[in-house]
Amino acid sequence: MENKVNICVVVPAYNEENTISDVITNLKNNNYKNIIVIDDGSTDSTYKIAKENKT
């Protein structure tokens, strides 16, 4: 088992429903320990998709 990298990644997002799932998945696959998504009041499904992808 690989160790997770001890780095916190902050992802700013605004109306990124088409990409946010891939971004989160790629960060998880690269073993980042902490991923923080900051949604700046999106009017699309960015928040919902990000919430569904949390671990």
N, C-alpha and C. Protein backbone atom coordinates (compact mmCIF):
# COMPACT_ATOMS: atom_id res chain seq x y z
N MET A 1 0.84 -1.17 0.00
CA MET A 1 0.00 0.00 0.00
C MET A 1 0.89 1.24 0.00
N GLU A 2 0.55 2.22 -0.84
CA GLU A 2 1.30 3.46 -0.91
C GLU A 2 0.85 4.41 0.19
N ASN A 3 1.81 5.17 0.71
CA ASN A 3 1.47 6.19 1.70
C ASN A 3 0.88 7.41 1.01
N LYS A 4 -0.01 8.08 1.70
CA LYS A 4 -0.59 9.31 1.16
C LYS A 4 0.38 10.46 1.38
N VAL A 5 0.45 11.32 0.40
CA VAL A 5 1.31 12.49 0.48
C VAL A 5 0.72 13.45 1.50
N ASN A 6 1.56 13.99 2.38
CA ASN A 6 1.08 14.88 3.43
C ASN A 6 1.00 16.32 2.91
N ILE A 7 0.16 16.52 1.92
CA ILE A 7 -0.05 17.84 1.33
C ILE A 7 -1.55 18.09 1.28
N CYS A 8 -1.94 19.31 1.60
CA CYS A 8 -3.33 19.71 1.51
C CYS A 8 -3.53 20.46 0.19
N VAL A 9 -4.47 19.99 -0.62
CA VAL A 9 -4.75 20.62 -1.91
C VAL A 9 -6.07 21.36 -1.81
N VAL A 10 -6.05 22.65 -2.17
CA VAL A 10 -7.26 23.46 -2.17
C VAL A 10 -7.68 23.67 -3.62
N VAL A 11 -8.93 23.32 -3.93
CA VAL A 11 -9.46 23.44 -5.28
C VAL A 11 -10.54 24.51 -5.30
N PRO A 12 -10.24 25.68 -5.87
CA PRO A 12 -11.29 26.69 -6.01
C PRO A 12 -12.20 26.29 -7.17
N ALA A 13 -13.50 26.46 -7.00
CA ALA A 13 -14.43 26.04 -8.05
C ALA A 13 -15.60 27.01 -8.17
N TYR A 14 -15.95 27.31 -9.40
CA TYR A 14 -17.14 28.11 -9.69
C TYR A 14 -17.72 27.60 -10.99
N ASN A 15 -18.90 27.01 -10.90
CA ASN A 15 -19.59 26.45 -12.07
C ASN A 15 -18.69 25.48 -12.84
N GLU A 16 -18.18 24.48 -12.14
CA GLU A 16 -17.28 23.49 -12.72
C GLU A 16 -17.90 22.10 -12.75
N GLU A 17 -19.22 22.01 -12.92
CA GLU A 17 -19.87 20.70 -12.87
C GLU A 17 -19.34 19.73 -13.91
N ASN A 18 -18.77 20.21 -15.00
CA ASN A 18 -18.26 19.32 -16.04
C ASN A 18 -16.87 18.77 -15.73
N THR A 19 -16.18 19.36 -14.75
CA THR A 19 -14.80 18.93 -14.48
C THR A 19 -14.52 18.54 -13.04
N ILE A 20 -15.33 18.97 -12.09
CA ILE A 20 -14.99 18.80 -10.67
C ILE A 20 -14.84 17.34 -10.26
N SER A 21 -15.66 16.46 -10.80
CA SER A 21 -15.56 15.04 -10.45
C SER A 21 -14.22 14.47 -10.90
N ASP A 22 -13.79 14.80 -12.11
CA ASP A 22 -12.49 14.32 -12.61
C ASP A 22 -11.34 14.88 -11.79
N VAL A 23 -11.43 16.15 -11.42
CA VAL A 23 -10.38 16.77 -10.62
C VAL A 23 -10.23 16.05 -9.28
N ILE A 24 -11.34 15.83 -8.60
CA ILE A 24 -11.30 15.16 -7.30
C ILE A 24 -10.79 13.73 -7.44
N THR A 25 -11.27 13.02 -8.44
CA THR A 25 -10.83 11.64 -8.66
C THR A 25 -9.33 11.58 -8.92
N ASN A 26 -8.82 12.48 -9.76
CA ASN A 26 -7.39 12.49 -10.06
C ASN A 26 -6.56 12.81 -8.82
N LEU A 27 -7.02 13.73 -8.00
CA LEU A 27 -6.29 14.04 -6.77
C LEU A 27 -6.29 12.85 -5.81
N LYS A 28 -7.42 12.17 -5.69
CA LYS A 28 -7.49 10.97 -4.84
C LYS A 28 -6.54 9.89 -5.36
N ASN A 29 -6.51 9.71 -6.68
CA ASN A 29 -5.65 8.69 -7.28
C ASN A 29 -4.17 9.00 -7.11
N ASN A 30 -3.83 10.26 -6.86
CA ASN A 30 -2.45 10.66 -6.63
C ASN A 30 -2.10 10.68 -5.14
N ASN A 31 -2.98 10.10 -4.34
CA ASN A 31 -2.75 9.88 -2.91
C ASN A 31 -2.59 11.14 -2.06
N TYR A 32 -3.26 12.21 -2.45
CA TYR A 32 -3.26 13.39 -1.59
C TYR A 32 -4.15 13.12 -0.39
N LYS A 33 -3.65 13.45 0.78
CA LYS A 33 -4.35 13.15 2.02
C LYS A 33 -5.53 14.08 2.26
N ASN A 34 -5.37 15.36 1.97
CA ASN A 34 -6.43 16.34 2.22
C ASN A 34 -6.76 17.08 0.93
N ILE A 35 -8.04 17.04 0.56
CA ILE A 35 -8.52 17.77 -0.60
C ILE A 35 -9.66 18.66 -0.14
N ILE A 36 -9.50 19.95 -0.31
CA ILE A 36 -10.52 20.91 0.11
C ILE A 36 -11.06 21.59 -1.14
N VAL A 37 -12.37 21.50 -1.35
CA VAL A 37 -13.00 22.16 -2.49
C VAL A 37 -13.72 23.40 -1.96
N ILE A 38 -13.39 24.54 -2.51
CA ILE A 38 -14.04 25.80 -2.16
C ILE A 38 -14.98 26.17 -3.30
N ASP A 39 -16.27 26.09 -3.05
CA ASP A 39 -17.26 26.44 -4.06
C ASP A 39 -17.66 27.90 -3.84
N ASP A 40 -17.46 28.71 -4.85
CA ASP A 40 -17.71 30.15 -4.74
C ASP A 40 -19.11 30.53 -5.22
N GLY A 41 -20.12 29.83 -4.69
CA GLY A 41 -21.50 30.17 -5.01
C GLY A 41 -21.95 29.72 -6.39
N SER A 42 -21.48 28.56 -6.82
CA SER A 42 -21.85 28.06 -8.14
C SER A 42 -23.36 27.98 -8.30
N THR A 43 -23.80 28.22 -9.53
CA THR A 43 -25.23 28.13 -9.84
C THR A 43 -25.56 26.84 -10.57
N ASP A 44 -24.56 25.98 -10.74
CA ASP A 44 -24.79 24.68 -11.37
C ASP A 44 -24.68 23.60 -10.29
N SER A 45 -24.32 22.40 -10.65
CA SER A 45 -24.28 21.27 -9.72
C SER A 45 -22.89 21.02 -9.12
N THR A 46 -22.01 21.99 -9.17
CA THR A 46 -20.66 21.81 -8.66
C THR A 46 -20.66 21.34 -7.21
N TYR A 47 -21.40 22.01 -6.35
CA TYR A 47 -21.42 21.66 -4.92
C TYR A 47 -21.92 20.23 -4.73
N LYS A 48 -23.01 19.88 -5.37
CA LYS A 48 -23.59 18.55 -5.24
C LYS A 48 -22.61 17.47 -5.68
N ILE A 49 -21.96 17.69 -6.81
CA ILE A 49 -21.01 16.70 -7.34
C ILE A 49 -19.80 16.57 -6.42
N ALA A 50 -19.29 17.69 -5.93
CA ALA A 50 -18.15 17.65 -5.01
C ALA A 50 -18.52 16.91 -3.74
N LYS A 51 -19.70 17.17 -3.22
CA LYS A 51 -20.15 16.51 -2.00
C LYS A 51 -20.28 15.00 -2.21
N GLU A 52 -20.77 14.59 -3.37
CA GLU A 52 -20.91 13.16 -3.68
C GLU A 52 -19.56 12.47 -3.80
N ASN A 53 -18.51 13.21 -4.10
CA ASN A 53 -17.18 12.64 -4.29
C ASN A 53 -16.31 12.67 -3.05
N LYS A 54 -16.84 13.12 -1.93
CA LYS A 54 -16.01 13.17 -0.72
C LYS A 54 -15.82 11.77 -0.16
N THR A 55 -14.75 11.61 0.62
CA THR A 55 -14.48 10.30 1.24
C THR A 55 -14.57 10.39 2.72
